[in-house]
């Protein structure tokens, strides 16, 4: 059963534009850089992402004082063939773990939603 893994990032207010821009190629490189522990071949089925361009403004949350808070500005969608592949990626893959560690200092918040298409239980 295929799994879709969606990651939304909110960057820290003091993150430089260059650091934020550098996330794109590093995140997208995970598709070919993450290798299955048994086959030693890439196991991510697909990986896409980009900067939010929705006209709805639903990515920005107002604070109690009415001023907008920095919102979720970047999204990535990662597809795996199996839940086991996703679990390895999230918990153990050293390349993914390296990305998480290196990106952590500029990420304020990451929201993750995973699903199997058509499964509503």
C-alpha atoms as a PDB file:
ATOM      1  CA  UNK A   1       0.000   0.000   0.000  1.00  0.00           C
ATOM      2  CA  UNK A   2       1.525   3.294  -1.120  1.00  0.00           C
ATOM      3  CA  UNK A   3       2.002   6.059   1.449  1.00  0.00           C
ATOM      4  CA  UNK A   4       1.996   9.799   0.791  1.00  0.00           C
ATOM      5  CA  UNK A   5       4.053  11.827   3.283  1.00  0.00           C
ATOM      6  CA  UNK A   6       3.356  15.583   3.309  1.00  0.00           C
ATOM      7  CA  UNK A   7       5.713  17.971   5.114  1.00  0.00           C
ATOM      8  CA  UNK A   8       4.954  21.665   5.675  1.00  0.00           C
ATOM      9  CA  UNK A   9       7.677  24.014   6.931  1.00  0.00           C
ATOM     10  CA  UNK A  10       7.551  27.305   8.770  1.00  0.00           C
ATOM     11  CA  UNK A  11      10.960  28.912   8.934  1.00  0.00           C
ATOM     12  CA  UNK A  12      12.276  30.967  11.817  1.00  0.00           C
ATOM     13  CA  UNK A  13      11.855  34.713  11.401  1.00  0.00           C
ATOM     14  CA  UNK A  14      15.621  35.215  11.475  1.00  0.00           C
ATOM     15  CA  UNK A  15      16.368  32.547   8.835  1.00  0.00           C
ATOM     16  CA  UNK A  16      18.151  34.125   5.893  1.00  0.00           C
ATOM     17  CA  UNK A  17      16.614  33.974   2.434  1.00  0.00           C
ATOM     18  CA  UNK A  18      19.709  32.108   1.245  1.00  0.00           C
ATOM     19  CA  UNK A  19      19.345  29.432   3.939  1.00  0.00           C
ATOM     20  CA  UNK A  20      15.655  28.970   3.154  1.00  0.00           C
ATOM     21  CA  UNK A  21      16.344  28.759  -0.576  1.00  0.00           C
ATOM     22  CA  UNK A  22      19.053  26.143   0.066  1.00  0.00           C
ATOM     23  CA  UNK A  23      16.446  23.800   1.579  1.00  0.00           C
ATOM     24  CA  UNK A  24      14.889  23.091  -1.868  1.00  0.00           C
ATOM     25  CA  UNK A  25      17.751  21.255  -3.553  1.00  0.00           C
ATOM     26  CA  UNK A  26      18.751  19.494  -0.344  1.00  0.00           C
ATOM     27  CA  UNK A  27      15.232  18.200   0.300  1.00  0.00           C
ATOM     28  CA  UNK A  28      14.698  17.192  -3.329  1.00  0.00           C
ATOM     29  CA  UNK A  29      18.068  15.391  -3.336  1.00  0.00           C
ATOM     30  CA  UNK A  30      16.703  12.964  -0.741  1.00  0.00           C
ATOM     31  CA  UNK A  31      14.856  11.139  -3.547  1.00  0.00           C
ATOM     32  CA  UNK A  32      18.103   9.796  -4.973  1.00  0.00           C
ATOM     33  CA  UNK A  33      20.253  10.050  -1.849  1.00  0.00           C
ATOM     34  CA  UNK A  34      18.141   7.893   0.470  1.00  0.00           C
ATOM     35  CA  UNK A  35      18.995   4.246  -0.134  1.00  0.00           C
ATOM     36  CA  UNK A  36      17.034   1.179   0.930  1.00  0.00           C
ATOM     37  CA  UNK A  37      18.907  -0.638   3.715  1.00  0.00           C
ATOM     38  CA  UNK A  38      18.735  -4.008   1.905  1.00  0.00           C
ATOM     39  CA  UNK A  39      18.918  -3.204  -1.811  1.00  0.00           C
ATOM     40  CA  UNK A  40      21.073  -0.061  -1.440  1.00  0.00           C
ATOM     41  CA  UNK A  41      18.938   1.518  -4.190  1.00  0.00           C
ATOM     42  CA  UNK A  42      16.807   4.678  -3.979  1.00  0.00           C
ATOM     43  CA  UNK A  43      13.405   3.808  -2.518  1.00  0.00           C
ATOM     44  CA  UNK A  44      11.503   7.108  -2.574  1.00  0.00           C
ATOM     45  CA  UNK A  45       8.902   6.782  -5.331  1.00  0.00           C
ATOM     46  CA  UNK A  46       8.563  10.533  -5.909  1.00  0.00           C
ATOM     47  CA  UNK A  47       9.408  13.788  -4.155  1.00  0.00           C
ATOM     48  CA  UNK A  48       8.119  17.224  -5.128  1.00  0.00           C
ATOM     49  CA  UNK A  49       7.890  20.531  -3.353  1.00  0.00           C
ATOM     50  CA  UNK A  50       7.701  24.272  -3.549  1.00  0.00           C
ATOM     51  CA  UNK A  51       6.786  27.570  -1.949  1.00  0.00           C
ATOM     52  CA  UNK A  52       3.191  28.220  -0.976  1.00  0.00           C
ATOM     53  CA  UNK A  53       1.377  30.335  -3.537  1.00  0.00           C
ATOM     54  CA  UNK A  54      -2.216  29.889  -2.370  1.00  0.00           C
ATOM     55  CA  UNK A  55      -4.353  33.034  -2.569  1.00  0.00           C
ATOM     56  CA  UNK A  56      -6.416  31.867   0.446  1.00  0.00           C
ATOM     57  CA  UNK A  57      -3.939  32.951   3.125  1.00  0.00           C
ATOM     58  CA  UNK A  58      -4.768  29.871   5.216  1.00  0.00           C
ATOM     59  CA  UNK A  59      -1.078  29.260   5.971  1.00  0.00           C
ATOM     60  CA  UNK A  60      -0.820  32.303   8.249  1.00  0.00           C
ATOM     61  CA  UNK A  61      -2.304  32.208  11.722  1.00  0.00           C
ATOM     62  CA  UNK A  62      -3.368  35.470  13.431  1.00  0.00           C
ATOM     63  CA  UNK A  63      -2.086  36.077  16.942  1.00  0.00           C
ATOM     64  CA  UNK A  64      -4.240  37.369  19.791  1.00  0.00           C
ATOM     65  CA  UNK A  65      -3.127  40.922  18.944  1.00  0.00           C
ATOM     66  CA  UNK A  66      -4.486  40.454  15.412  1.00  0.00           C
ATOM     67  CA  UNK A  67      -1.078  40.558  13.727  1.00  0.00           C
ATOM     68  CA  UNK A  68      -0.222  37.655  11.429  1.00  0.00           C
ATOM     69  CA  UNK A  69       2.273  35.081  12.602  1.00  0.00           C
ATOM     70  CA  UNK A  70       4.859  33.709  10.186  1.00  0.00           C
ATOM     71  CA  UNK A  71       3.101  30.899   8.374  1.00  0.00           C
ATOM     72  CA  UNK A  72       3.744  27.589   6.710  1.00  0.00           C
ATOM     73  CA  UNK A  73       5.531  28.656   3.568  1.00  0.00           C
ATOM     74  CA  UNK A  74       7.003  25.509   2.013  1.00  0.00           C
ATOM     75  CA  UNK A  75       5.510  22.105   1.228  1.00  0.00           C
ATOM     76  CA  UNK A  76       7.010  18.805   0.145  1.00  0.00           C
ATOM     77  CA  UNK A  77       5.219  15.621  -0.885  1.00  0.00           C
ATOM     78  CA  UNK A  78       7.125  12.352  -0.620  1.00  0.00           C
ATOM     79  CA  UNK A  79       5.651   9.097  -1.920  1.00  0.00           C
ATOM     80  CA  UNK A  80       6.671   5.635  -0.779  1.00  0.00           C
ATOM     81  CA  UNK A  81       5.634   2.217  -2.081  1.00  0.00           C
ATOM     82  CA  UNK A  82       5.098   0.798   1.407  1.00  0.00           C
ATOM     83  CA  UNK A  83       4.559   1.927   4.994  1.00  0.00           C
ATOM     84  CA  UNK A  84       7.812   0.133   5.853  1.00  0.00           C
ATOM     85  CA  UNK A  85       9.747   2.350   3.431  1.00  0.00           C
ATOM     86  CA  UNK A  86       8.168   5.442   4.988  1.00  0.00           C
ATOM     87  CA  UNK A  87       8.949   4.188   8.486  1.00  0.00           C
ATOM     88  CA  UNK A  88      12.600   3.567   7.589  1.00  0.00           C
ATOM     89  CA  UNK A  89      12.836   7.050   6.049  1.00  0.00           C
ATOM     90  CA  UNK A  90      11.321   8.760   9.091  1.00  0.00           C
ATOM     91  CA  UNK A  91      13.082   6.800  11.820  1.00  0.00           C
ATOM     92  CA  UNK A  92      16.368   5.435  10.510  1.00  0.00           C
ATOM     93  CA  UNK A  93      17.562   6.651   7.120  1.00  0.00           C
ATOM     94  CA  UNK A  94      20.922   8.341   7.814  1.00  0.00           C
ATOM     95  CA  UNK A  95      20.637  10.695   4.840  1.00  0.00           C
ATOM     96  CA  UNK A  96      17.185  11.891   5.928  1.00  0.00           C
ATOM     97  CA  UNK A  97      18.333  12.172   9.547  1.00  0.00           C
ATOM     98  CA  UNK A  98      21.283  14.279   8.388  1.00  0.00           C
ATOM     99  CA  UNK A  99      18.927  16.581   6.502  1.00  0.00           C
ATOM    100  CA  UNK A 100      16.662  16.951   9.550  1.00  0.00           C
ATOM    101  CA  UNK A 101      19.611  17.774  11.798  1.00  0.00           C
ATOM    102  CA  UNK A 102      21.111  20.316   9.413  1.00  0.00           C
ATOM    103  CA  UNK A 103      17.789  22.036   8.591  1.00  0.00           C
ATOM    104  CA  UNK A 104      16.588  22.097  12.191  1.00  0.00           C
ATOM    105  CA  UNK A 105      18.272  25.357  13.191  1.00  0.00           C
ATOM    106  CA  UNK A 106      16.235  27.388  10.675  1.00  0.00           C
ATOM    107  CA  UNK A 107      12.893  25.562  10.963  1.00  0.00           C
ATOM    108  CA  UNK A 108      10.395  26.978  13.419  1.00  0.00           C
ATOM    109  CA  UNK A 109       7.772  24.321  12.817  1.00  0.00           C
ATOM    110  CA  UNK A 110       7.269  21.239  10.669  1.00  0.00           C
ATOM    111  CA  UNK A 111       3.856  19.668  10.221  1.00  0.00           C
ATOM    112  CA  UNK A 112       3.637  16.169   8.791  1.00  0.00           C
ATOM    113  CA  UNK A 113       0.593  14.317   7.486  1.00  0.00           C
ATOM    114  CA  UNK A 114       0.804  10.804   6.046  1.00  0.00           C
ATOM    115  CA  UNK A 115      -1.962   8.858   4.337  1.00  0.00           C
ATOM    116  CA  UNK A 116      -2.743   5.873   2.165  1.00  0.00           C
ATOM    117  CA  UNK A 117      -5.002   6.923  -0.724  1.00  0.00           C
ATOM    118  CA  UNK A 118      -8.587   5.904  -0.175  1.00  0.00           C
ATOM    119  CA  UNK A 119      -8.098   4.706   3.412  1.00  0.00           C
ATOM    120  CA  UNK A 120     -10.428   6.572   5.756  1.00  0.00           C
ATOM    121  CA  UNK A 121     -10.358   4.341   8.843  1.00  0.00           C
END
